Amino acid sequence: MYDKKVYESVCKNENREIENLYDENGQIQSTYRADYTVKELPERIPRKKQTTVLNLPFEGISTYMRDYQAPEMMPLVKRPKEPERTKLPFEGVSTYTLDFSVKAWEYFRKT
């Protein structure tokens, strides 16, 4: 939104008529009509497409496949077998609990 005084000063400096274009609030909408000048566009001339014909034999593969170089692969190394676990009965107590209780028992027995 332009102020009315600014709009009038622009029109006076450029010797134009002052247009009264106000919106609902009483403010001037814009100076578009005062500043717009019609411009002619040059006529567009379409370009002809240039095609090139290569007389090469048809290979049947893409350039990507022809230019692809497979990376050098390291030989596959198998991991050593893990030792088998012994089949002991399940007691439902962790080794931490068992070790802790033994250590605690030995400590209290010494004191």
C-alpha atoms as a PDB file:
ATOM      1  CA  MET A   1       0.000   0.000   0.000  1.00  0.00           C
ATOM      2  CA  TYR A   2       1.322   3.416  -0.928  1.00  0.00           C
ATOM      3  CA  ASP A   3       0.762   6.560   1.038  1.00  0.00           C
ATOM      4  CA  LYS A   4      -1.373   9.156  -0.758  1.00  0.00           C
ATOM      5  CA  LYS A   5       1.350  11.846  -0.522  1.00  0.00           C
ATOM      6  CA  VAL A   6       4.002   9.547  -2.023  1.00  0.00           C
ATOM      7  CA  TYR A   7       1.690   8.586  -4.872  1.00  0.00           C
ATOM      8  CA  GLU A   8       0.827  12.213  -5.661  1.00  0.00           C
ATOM      9  CA  SER A   9       4.499  13.273  -5.588  1.00  0.00           C
ATOM     10  CA  VAL A  10       5.432  10.492  -8.047  1.00  0.00           C
ATOM     11  CA  CYS A  11       2.679  11.536 -10.422  1.00  0.00           C
ATOM     12  CA  LYS A  12       3.577  15.253 -10.190  1.00  0.00           C
ATOM     13  CA  ASN A  13       7.282  14.627 -10.825  1.00  0.00           C
ATOM     14  CA  GLU A  14       6.556  12.612 -13.971  1.00  0.00           C
ATOM     15  CA  ASN A  15       3.704  14.867 -15.205  1.00  0.00           C
ATOM     16  CA  ARG A  16       0.986  12.228 -14.958  1.00  0.00           C
ATOM     17  CA  GLU A  17      -2.602  12.390 -13.896  1.00  0.00           C
ATOM     18  CA  ILE A  18      -3.355  11.356 -10.349  1.00  0.00           C
ATOM     19  CA  GLU A  19      -5.600   8.309 -10.397  1.00  0.00           C
ATOM     20  CA  ASN A  20      -7.815   7.778  -7.397  1.00  0.00           C
ATOM     21  CA  LEU A  21      -7.547   4.031  -6.743  1.00  0.00           C
ATOM     22  CA  TYR A  22      -8.461   3.442  -3.124  1.00  0.00           C
ATOM     23  CA  ASP A  23      -9.257   0.225  -1.297  1.00  0.00           C
ATOM     24  CA  GLU A  24     -11.823  -0.320   1.499  1.00  0.00           C
ATOM     25  CA  ASN A  25      -9.559   1.322   4.108  1.00  0.00           C
ATOM     26  CA  GLY A  26      -9.094   4.484   2.070  1.00  0.00           C
ATOM     27  CA  GLN A  27      -5.505   3.627   1.118  1.00  0.00           C
ATOM     28  CA  ILE A  28      -4.240   3.859  -2.442  1.00  0.00           C
ATOM     29  CA  GLN A  29      -3.838   0.387  -3.944  1.00  0.00           C
ATOM     30  CA  SER A  30      -0.770   0.785  -6.164  1.00  0.00           C
ATOM     31  CA  THR A  31       0.975   2.910  -8.767  1.00  0.00           C
ATOM     32  CA  TYR A  32       0.967   0.090 -11.301  1.00  0.00           C
ATOM     33  CA  ARG A  33      -1.256   1.877 -13.818  1.00  0.00           C
ATOM     34  CA  ALA A  34       0.811   5.043 -13.564  1.00  0.00           C
ATOM     35  CA  ASP A  35       4.148   3.233 -14.035  1.00  0.00           C
ATOM     36  CA  TYR A  36       3.239   0.566 -16.618  1.00  0.00           C
ATOM     37  CA  THR A  37       4.432   0.957 -20.206  1.00  0.00           C
ATOM     38  CA  VAL A  38       3.395  -1.408 -22.982  1.00  0.00           C
ATOM     39  CA  LYS A  39       6.318  -3.374 -24.401  1.00  0.00           C
ATOM     40  CA  GLU A  40       6.388  -5.167 -27.729  1.00  0.00           C
ATOM     41  CA  LEU A  41       7.744  -8.709 -27.828  1.00  0.00           C
ATOM     42  CA  PRO A  42       9.848  -9.783 -30.800  1.00  0.00           C
ATOM     43  CA  GLU A  43       8.380 -12.499 -32.989  1.00  0.00           C
ATOM     44  CA  ARG A  44       9.651 -15.916 -32.051  1.00  0.00           C
ATOM     45  CA  ILE A  45      11.383 -17.891 -34.780  1.00  0.00           C
ATOM     46  CA  PRO A  46      11.436 -21.669 -34.161  1.00  0.00           C
ATOM     47  CA  ARG A  47      14.789 -23.407 -34.566  1.00  0.00           C
ATOM     48  CA  LYS A  48      15.229 -26.554 -36.587  1.00  0.00           C
ATOM     49  CA  LYS A  49      16.559 -29.553 -34.732  1.00  0.00           C
ATOM     50  CA  GLN A  50      19.929 -30.728 -35.938  1.00  0.00           C
ATOM     51  CA  THR A  51      20.328 -34.480 -36.079  1.00  0.00           C
ATOM     52  CA  THR A  52      23.581 -36.317 -36.518  1.00  0.00           C
ATOM     53  CA  VAL A  53      23.762 -39.817 -37.925  1.00  0.00           C
ATOM     54  CA  LEU A  54      26.670 -42.026 -36.912  1.00  0.00           C
ATOM     55  CA  ASN A  55      27.451 -44.937 -39.207  1.00  0.00           C
ATOM     56  CA  LEU A  56      28.682 -47.307 -36.506  1.00  0.00           C
ATOM     57  CA  PRO A  57      27.941 -51.015 -36.220  1.00  0.00           C
ATOM     58  CA  PHE A  58      25.193 -52.002 -33.779  1.00  0.00           C
ATOM     59  CA  GLU A  59      26.704 -53.801 -30.760  1.00  0.00           C
ATOM     60  CA  GLY A  60      23.532 -54.360 -28.755  1.00  0.00           C
ATOM     61  CA  ILE A  61      24.963 -53.200 -25.402  1.00  0.00           C
ATOM     62  CA  SER A  62      24.701 -49.906 -23.596  1.00  0.00           C
ATOM     63  CA  THR A  63      27.642 -47.566 -23.121  1.00  0.00           C
ATOM     64  CA  TYR A  64      27.326 -48.077 -19.367  1.00  0.00           C
ATOM     65  CA  MET A  65      27.738 -51.830 -19.751  1.00  0.00           C
ATOM     66  CA  ARG A  66      30.605 -51.403 -22.199  1.00  0.00           C
ATOM     67  CA  ASP A  67      32.502 -48.937 -19.968  1.00  0.00           C
ATOM     68  CA  TYR A  68      31.804 -50.719 -16.651  1.00  0.00           C
ATOM     69  CA  GLN A  69      34.842 -52.108 -14.829  1.00  0.00           C
ATOM     70  CA  ALA A  70      34.114 -54.601 -12.085  1.00  0.00           C
ATOM     71  CA  PRO A  71      35.860 -53.806  -8.785  1.00  0.00           C
ATOM     72  CA  GLU A  72      38.546 -56.143  -7.534  1.00  0.00           C
ATOM     73  CA  MET A  73      37.043 -58.370  -4.880  1.00  0.00           C
ATOM     74  CA  MET A  74      38.845 -59.773  -1.876  1.00  0.00           C
ATOM     75  CA  PRO A  75      38.604 -63.546  -1.461  1.00  0.00           C
ATOM     76  CA  LEU A  76      35.849 -64.734   0.838  1.00  0.00           C
ATOM     77  CA  VAL A  77      37.181 -65.698   4.269  1.00  0.00           C
ATOM     78  CA  LYS A  78      35.131 -68.074   6.396  1.00  0.00           C
ATOM     79  CA  ARG A  79      34.996 -67.482  10.116  1.00  0.00           C
ATOM     80  CA  PRO A  80      36.283 -70.262  12.347  1.00  0.00           C
ATOM     81  CA  LYS A  81      33.642 -72.440  13.952  1.00  0.00           C
ATOM     82  CA  GLU A  82      32.557 -71.418  17.420  1.00  0.00           C
ATOM     83  CA  PRO A  83      33.094 -74.010  20.132  1.00  0.00           C
ATOM     84  CA  GLU A  84      29.958 -75.908  21.014  1.00  0.00           C
ATOM     85  CA  ARG A  85      28.348 -75.107  24.339  1.00  0.00           C
ATOM     86  CA  THR A  86      28.051 -77.817  26.888  1.00  0.00           C
ATOM     87  CA  LYS A  87      24.525 -79.017  27.543  1.00  0.00           C
ATOM     88  CA  LEU A  88      24.001 -78.194  31.208  1.00  0.00           C
ATOM     89  CA  PRO A  89      20.632 -78.078  32.945  1.00  0.00           C
ATOM     90  CA  PHE A  90      19.031 -74.627  33.173  1.00  0.00           C
ATOM     91  CA  GLU A  91      18.977 -73.299  36.733  1.00  0.00           C
ATOM     92  CA  GLY A  92      17.388 -69.888  36.111  1.00  0.00           C
ATOM     93  CA  VAL A  93      20.163 -67.937  37.881  1.00  0.00           C
ATOM     94  CA  SER A  94      22.664 -65.698  36.135  1.00  0.00           C
ATOM     95  CA  THR A  95      26.398 -66.231  36.484  1.00  0.00           C
ATOM     96  CA  TYR A  96      26.662 -62.739  37.952  1.00  0.00           C
ATOM     97  CA  THR A  97      24.325 -63.684  40.780  1.00  0.00           C
ATOM     98  CA  LEU A  98      26.159 -66.934  41.407  1.00  0.00           C
ATOM     99  CA  ASP A  99      29.597 -65.272  41.390  1.00  0.00           C
ATOM    100  CA  PHE A 100      28.419 -62.398  43.571  1.00  0.00           C
ATOM    101  CA  SER A 101      26.887 -64.633  46.206  1.00  0.00           C
ATOM    102  CA  VAL A 102      30.052 -66.772  46.413  1.00  0.00           C
ATOM    103  CA  LYS A 103      32.256 -63.718  46.791  1.00  0.00           C
ATOM    104  CA  ALA A 104      29.965 -62.257  49.413  1.00  0.00           C
ATOM    105  CA  TRP A 105      29.911 -65.542  51.342  1.00  0.00           C
ATOM    106  CA  GLU A 106      33.699 -65.749  51.329  1.00  0.00           C
ATOM    107  CA  TYR A 107      34.010 -62.134  52.476  1.00  0.00           C
ATOM    108  CA  PHE A 108      31.626 -62.521  55.398  1.00  0.00           C
ATOM    109  CA  ARG A 109      33.190 -65.827  56.428  1.00  0.00           C
ATOM    110  CA  LYS A 110      36.628 -64.177  56.773  1.00  0.00           C
ATOM    111  CA  THR A 111      35.384 -61.367  59.002  1.00  0.00           C
END
